[in-house]
Amino acid sequence: MIYFLFLILNTFLFILETLLIYGLYELAMNPEIQDKLAHEIDGIANSDSGLSSYDAVNQNEYLEMFVSEIMRKYTPAARIERY
């Protein structure tokens, strides 16, 4: 049981690590994406609700697209090659 919980936690941390590393890499290599994300987050942070509510965080459409693209390009899942 403990081993199973450790395995799930380790897998989750690996996925999170992959997302953070490659996300920061893409932001460093593409300043226009960085500017778009900063503009979107600043716009929501300066709104009436700020970033404190769940709904305000879910309004970040470009951030969601960015994370989805990072997970698509740099998938942490192992590839299975067919011969």
N, C-alpha and C. Protein backbone atom coordinates (compact mmCIF):
# COMPACT_ATOMS: atom_id res chain seq x y z
N MET A 1 0.83 -1.19 0.00
CA MET A 1 0.00 0.00 0.00
C MET A 1 0.87 1.26 0.00
N ILE A 2 1.86 1.30 0.85
CA ILE A 2 2.75 2.45 0.92
C ILE A 2 3.51 2.60 -0.39
N TYR A 3 3.95 1.49 -0.96
CA TYR A 3 4.67 1.54 -2.22
C TYR A 3 3.79 2.12 -3.32
N PHE A 4 2.52 1.73 -3.36
CA PHE A 4 1.59 2.23 -4.36
C PHE A 4 1.39 3.74 -4.22
N LEU A 5 1.25 4.23 -3.01
CA LEU A 5 1.10 5.66 -2.78
C LEU A 5 2.37 6.42 -3.19
N PHE A 6 3.52 5.85 -2.87
CA PHE A 6 4.78 6.46 -3.27
C PHE A 6 4.91 6.52 -4.79
N LEU A 7 4.48 5.47 -5.46
CA LEU A 7 4.55 5.42 -6.91
C LEU A 7 3.66 6.49 -7.55
N ILE A 8 2.45 6.67 -7.04
CA ILE A 8 1.54 7.69 -7.56
C ILE A 8 2.10 9.08 -7.30
N LEU A 9 2.61 9.33 -6.12
CA LEU A 9 3.19 10.63 -5.79
C LEU A 9 4.40 10.92 -6.68
N ASN A 10 5.24 9.94 -6.88
CA ASN A 10 6.42 10.10 -7.71
C ASN A 10 6.03 10.40 -9.16
N THR A 11 5.01 9.75 -9.67
CA THR A 11 4.53 9.99 -11.03
C THR A 11 3.97 11.40 -11.15
N PHE A 12 3.18 11.83 -10.18
CA PHE A 12 2.62 13.18 -10.21
C PHE A 12 3.72 14.23 -10.19
N LEU A 13 4.73 14.04 -9.36
CA LEU A 13 5.82 14.99 -9.28
C LEU A 13 6.65 15.03 -10.56
N PHE A 14 6.79 13.89 -11.22
CA PHE A 14 7.51 13.84 -12.49
C PHE A 14 6.77 14.63 -13.56
N ILE A 15 5.45 14.50 -13.61
CA ILE A 15 4.64 15.25 -14.58
C ILE A 15 4.72 16.74 -14.29
N LEU A 16 4.62 17.11 -13.04
CA LEU A 16 4.71 18.52 -12.66
C LEU A 16 6.09 19.09 -12.98
N GLU A 17 7.12 18.33 -12.71
CA GLU A 17 8.49 18.76 -13.01
C GLU A 17 8.67 18.97 -14.51
N THR A 18 8.16 18.06 -15.31
CA THR A 18 8.26 18.18 -16.76
C THR A 18 7.55 19.44 -17.24
N LEU A 19 6.37 19.68 -16.73
CA LEU A 19 5.60 20.86 -17.12
C LEU A 19 6.35 22.15 -16.77
N LEU A 20 6.89 22.23 -15.57
CA LEU A 20 7.59 23.43 -15.14
C LEU A 20 8.88 23.68 -15.92
N ILE A 21 9.67 22.64 -16.11
CA ILE A 21 10.95 22.80 -16.80
C ILE A 21 10.75 23.23 -18.24
N TYR A 22 9.92 22.50 -18.96
CA TYR A 22 9.72 22.83 -20.37
C TYR A 22 8.88 24.08 -20.56
N GLY A 23 8.00 24.38 -19.62
CA GLY A 23 7.25 25.63 -19.68
C GLY A 23 8.16 26.83 -19.54
N LEU A 24 9.07 26.77 -18.59
CA LEU A 24 10.04 27.85 -18.42
C LEU A 24 10.98 27.96 -19.62
N TYR A 25 11.34 26.83 -20.19
CA TYR A 25 12.18 26.84 -21.38
C TYR A 25 11.47 27.53 -22.54
N GLU A 26 10.20 27.18 -22.77
CA GLU A 26 9.45 27.80 -23.87
C GLU A 26 9.26 29.30 -23.63
N LEU A 27 9.03 29.69 -22.40
CA LEU A 27 8.88 31.12 -22.10
C LEU A 27 10.19 31.87 -22.33
N ALA A 28 11.30 31.25 -22.00
CA ALA A 28 12.59 31.90 -22.22
C ALA A 28 12.92 32.01 -23.70
N MET A 29 12.53 31.03 -24.50
CA MET A 29 12.84 31.04 -25.92
C MET A 29 11.84 31.86 -26.74
N ASN A 30 10.66 32.13 -26.19
CA ASN A 30 9.61 32.85 -26.92
C ASN A 30 9.09 34.01 -26.08
N PRO A 31 9.74 35.16 -26.15
CA PRO A 31 9.31 36.29 -25.32
C PRO A 31 7.92 36.81 -25.67
N GLU A 32 7.46 36.57 -26.91
CA GLU A 32 6.11 37.02 -27.26
C GLU A 32 5.04 36.22 -26.51
N ILE A 33 5.30 34.95 -26.29
CA ILE A 33 4.37 34.13 -25.50
C ILE A 33 4.41 34.60 -24.04
N GLN A 34 5.59 34.90 -23.55
CA GLN A 34 5.75 35.40 -22.19
C GLN A 34 4.97 36.70 -22.01
N ASP A 35 5.05 37.59 -22.99
CA ASP A 35 4.33 38.87 -22.91
C ASP A 35 2.82 38.66 -22.94
N LYS A 36 2.34 37.74 -23.79
CA LYS A 36 0.90 37.46 -23.86
C LYS A 36 0.38 36.90 -22.53
N LEU A 37 1.14 35.97 -21.96
CA LEU A 37 0.73 35.39 -20.67
C LEU A 37 0.73 36.44 -19.57
N ALA A 38 1.76 37.26 -19.54
CA ALA A 38 1.84 38.30 -18.51
C ALA A 38 0.71 39.30 -18.67
N HIS A 39 0.38 39.65 -19.90
CA HIS A 39 -0.72 40.59 -20.15
C HIS A 39 -2.06 40.01 -19.70
N GLU A 40 -2.28 38.72 -20.00
CA GLU A 40 -3.54 38.08 -19.60
C GLU A 40 -3.65 37.98 -18.08
N ILE A 41 -2.58 37.59 -17.42
CA ILE A 41 -2.62 37.44 -15.96
C ILE A 41 -2.76 38.79 -15.29
N ASP A 42 -2.07 39.81 -15.81
CA ASP A 42 -2.21 41.16 -15.26
C ASP A 42 -3.63 41.68 -15.42
N GLY A 43 -4.25 41.39 -16.56
CA GLY A 43 -5.62 41.84 -16.79
C GLY A 43 -6.60 41.22 -15.81
N ILE A 44 -6.43 39.95 -15.52
CA ILE A 44 -7.32 39.28 -14.58
C ILE A 44 -6.99 39.70 -13.15
N ALA A 45 -5.71 39.90 -12.85
CA ALA A 45 -5.32 40.31 -11.50
C ALA A 45 -5.83 41.71 -11.18
N ASN A 46 -5.92 42.57 -12.18
CA ASN A 46 -6.39 43.93 -11.97
C ASN A 46 -7.91 44.06 -12.04
N SER A 47 -8.61 42.97 -12.30
CA SER A 47 -10.07 43.02 -12.34
C SER A 47 -10.64 43.11 -10.92
N ASP A 48 -11.95 43.18 -10.82
CA ASP A 48 -12.60 43.33 -9.52
C ASP A 48 -12.34 42.15 -8.58
N SER A 49 -12.39 40.93 -9.12
CA SER A 49 -12.23 39.76 -8.26
C SER A 49 -10.77 39.43 -7.98
N GLY A 50 -9.86 39.89 -8.84
CA GLY A 50 -8.45 39.57 -8.65
C GLY A 50 -8.18 38.10 -8.94
N LEU A 51 -7.06 37.59 -8.51
CA LEU A 51 -6.72 36.18 -8.73
C LEU A 51 -7.12 35.30 -7.55
N SER A 52 -7.90 35.84 -6.62
CA SER A 52 -8.20 35.09 -5.42
C SER A 52 -9.33 34.08 -5.59
N SER A 53 -10.13 34.20 -6.64
CA SER A 53 -11.25 33.27 -6.78
C SER A 53 -10.93 32.20 -7.83
N TYR A 54 -11.60 31.09 -7.69
CA TYR A 54 -11.42 29.97 -8.61
C TYR A 54 -11.86 30.35 -10.02
N ASP A 55 -12.95 31.09 -10.13
CA ASP A 55 -13.44 31.50 -11.44
C ASP A 55 -12.47 32.43 -12.14
N ALA A 56 -11.82 33.29 -11.40
CA ALA A 56 -10.85 34.21 -12.00
C ALA A 56 -9.65 33.45 -12.56
N VAL A 57 -9.22 32.43 -11.86
CA VAL A 57 -8.08 31.64 -12.34
C VAL A 57 -8.48 30.87 -13.60
N ASN A 58 -9.72 30.40 -13.66
CA ASN A 58 -10.18 29.66 -14.84
C ASN A 58 -10.42 30.55 -16.05
N GLN A 59 -10.35 31.84 -15.91
CA GLN A 59 -10.51 32.74 -17.06
C GLN A 59 -9.22 32.84 -17.88
N ASN A 60 -8.15 32.28 -17.42
CA ASN A 60 -6.86 32.33 -18.13
C ASN A 60 -6.87 31.34 -19.29
N GLU A 61 -7.49 31.73 -20.41
CA GLU A 61 -7.60 30.83 -21.55
C GLU A 61 -6.24 30.61 -22.22
N TYR A 62 -5.45 31.65 -22.35
CA TYR A 62 -4.15 31.51 -23.00
C TYR A 62 -3.20 30.66 -22.15
N LEU A 63 -3.30 30.78 -20.84
CA LEU A 63 -2.49 29.95 -19.95
C LEU A 63 -2.87 28.49 -20.10
N GLU A 64 -4.15 28.21 -20.21
CA GLU A 64 -4.60 26.84 -20.39
C GLU A 64 -4.10 26.27 -21.72
N MET A 65 -4.15 27.09 -22.77
CA MET A 65 -3.63 26.65 -24.07
C MET A 65 -2.13 26.41 -24.00
N PHE A 66 -1.42 27.27 -23.28
CA PHE A 66 0.03 27.14 -23.14
C PHE A 66 0.38 25.83 -22.43
N VAL A 67 -0.30 25.54 -21.34
CA VAL A 67 -0.02 24.31 -20.58
C VAL A 67 -0.36 23.08 -21.43
N SER A 68 -1.47 23.12 -22.15
CA SER A 68 -1.83 21.99 -23.01
C SER A 68 -0.80 21.77 -24.10
N GLU A 69 -0.28 22.84 -24.67
CA GLU A 69 0.73 22.72 -25.72
C GLU A 69 2.04 22.17 -25.16
N ILE A 70 2.42 22.58 -23.96
CA ILE A 70 3.63 22.04 -23.33
C ILE A 70 3.47 20.55 -23.09
N MET A 71 2.31 20.15 -22.60
CA MET A 71 2.08 18.72 -22.35
C MET A 71 2.03 17.93 -23.66
N ARG A 72 1.58 18.56 -24.75
CA ARG A 72 1.56 17.88 -26.03
C ARG A 72 2.97 17.73 -26.60
N LYS A 73 3.75 18.81 -26.56
CA LYS A 73 5.09 18.79 -27.15
C LYS A 73 6.07 17.96 -26.34
N TYR A 74 6.01 18.07 -25.04
CA TYR A 74 6.98 17.41 -24.17
C TYR A 74 6.25 16.45 -23.23
N THR A 75 5.60 15.48 -23.80
CA THR A 75 4.82 14.55 -22.99
C THR A 75 5.69 13.74 -22.05
N PRO A 76 5.28 13.62 -20.79
CA PRO A 76 6.06 12.80 -19.86
C PRO A 76 5.78 11.31 -20.01
N ALA A 77 4.78 10.95 -20.81
CA ALA A 77 4.47 9.53 -21.01
C ALA A 77 5.53 8.89 -21.90
N ALA A 78 5.81 7.66 -21.62
CA ALA A 78 6.80 6.94 -22.41
C ALA A 78 6.22 6.61 -23.79
N ARG A 79 7.07 6.67 -24.78
CA ARG A 79 6.64 6.31 -26.13
C ARG A 79 6.78 4.81 -26.33
N ILE A 80 5.84 4.28 -27.09
CA ILE A 80 5.91 2.87 -27.45
C ILE A 80 6.12 2.82 -28.95
N GLU A 81 7.28 2.36 -29.35
CA GLU A 81 7.62 2.27 -30.76
C GLU A 81 7.20 0.90 -31.28
N ARG A 82 6.61 0.91 -32.45
CA ARG A 82 6.23 -0.35 -33.09
C ARG A 82 7.22 -0.66 -34.20
N TYR A 83 7.63 -1.89 -34.27
CA TYR A 83 8.57 -2.32 -35.31
C TYR A 83 7.89 -3.21 -36.29
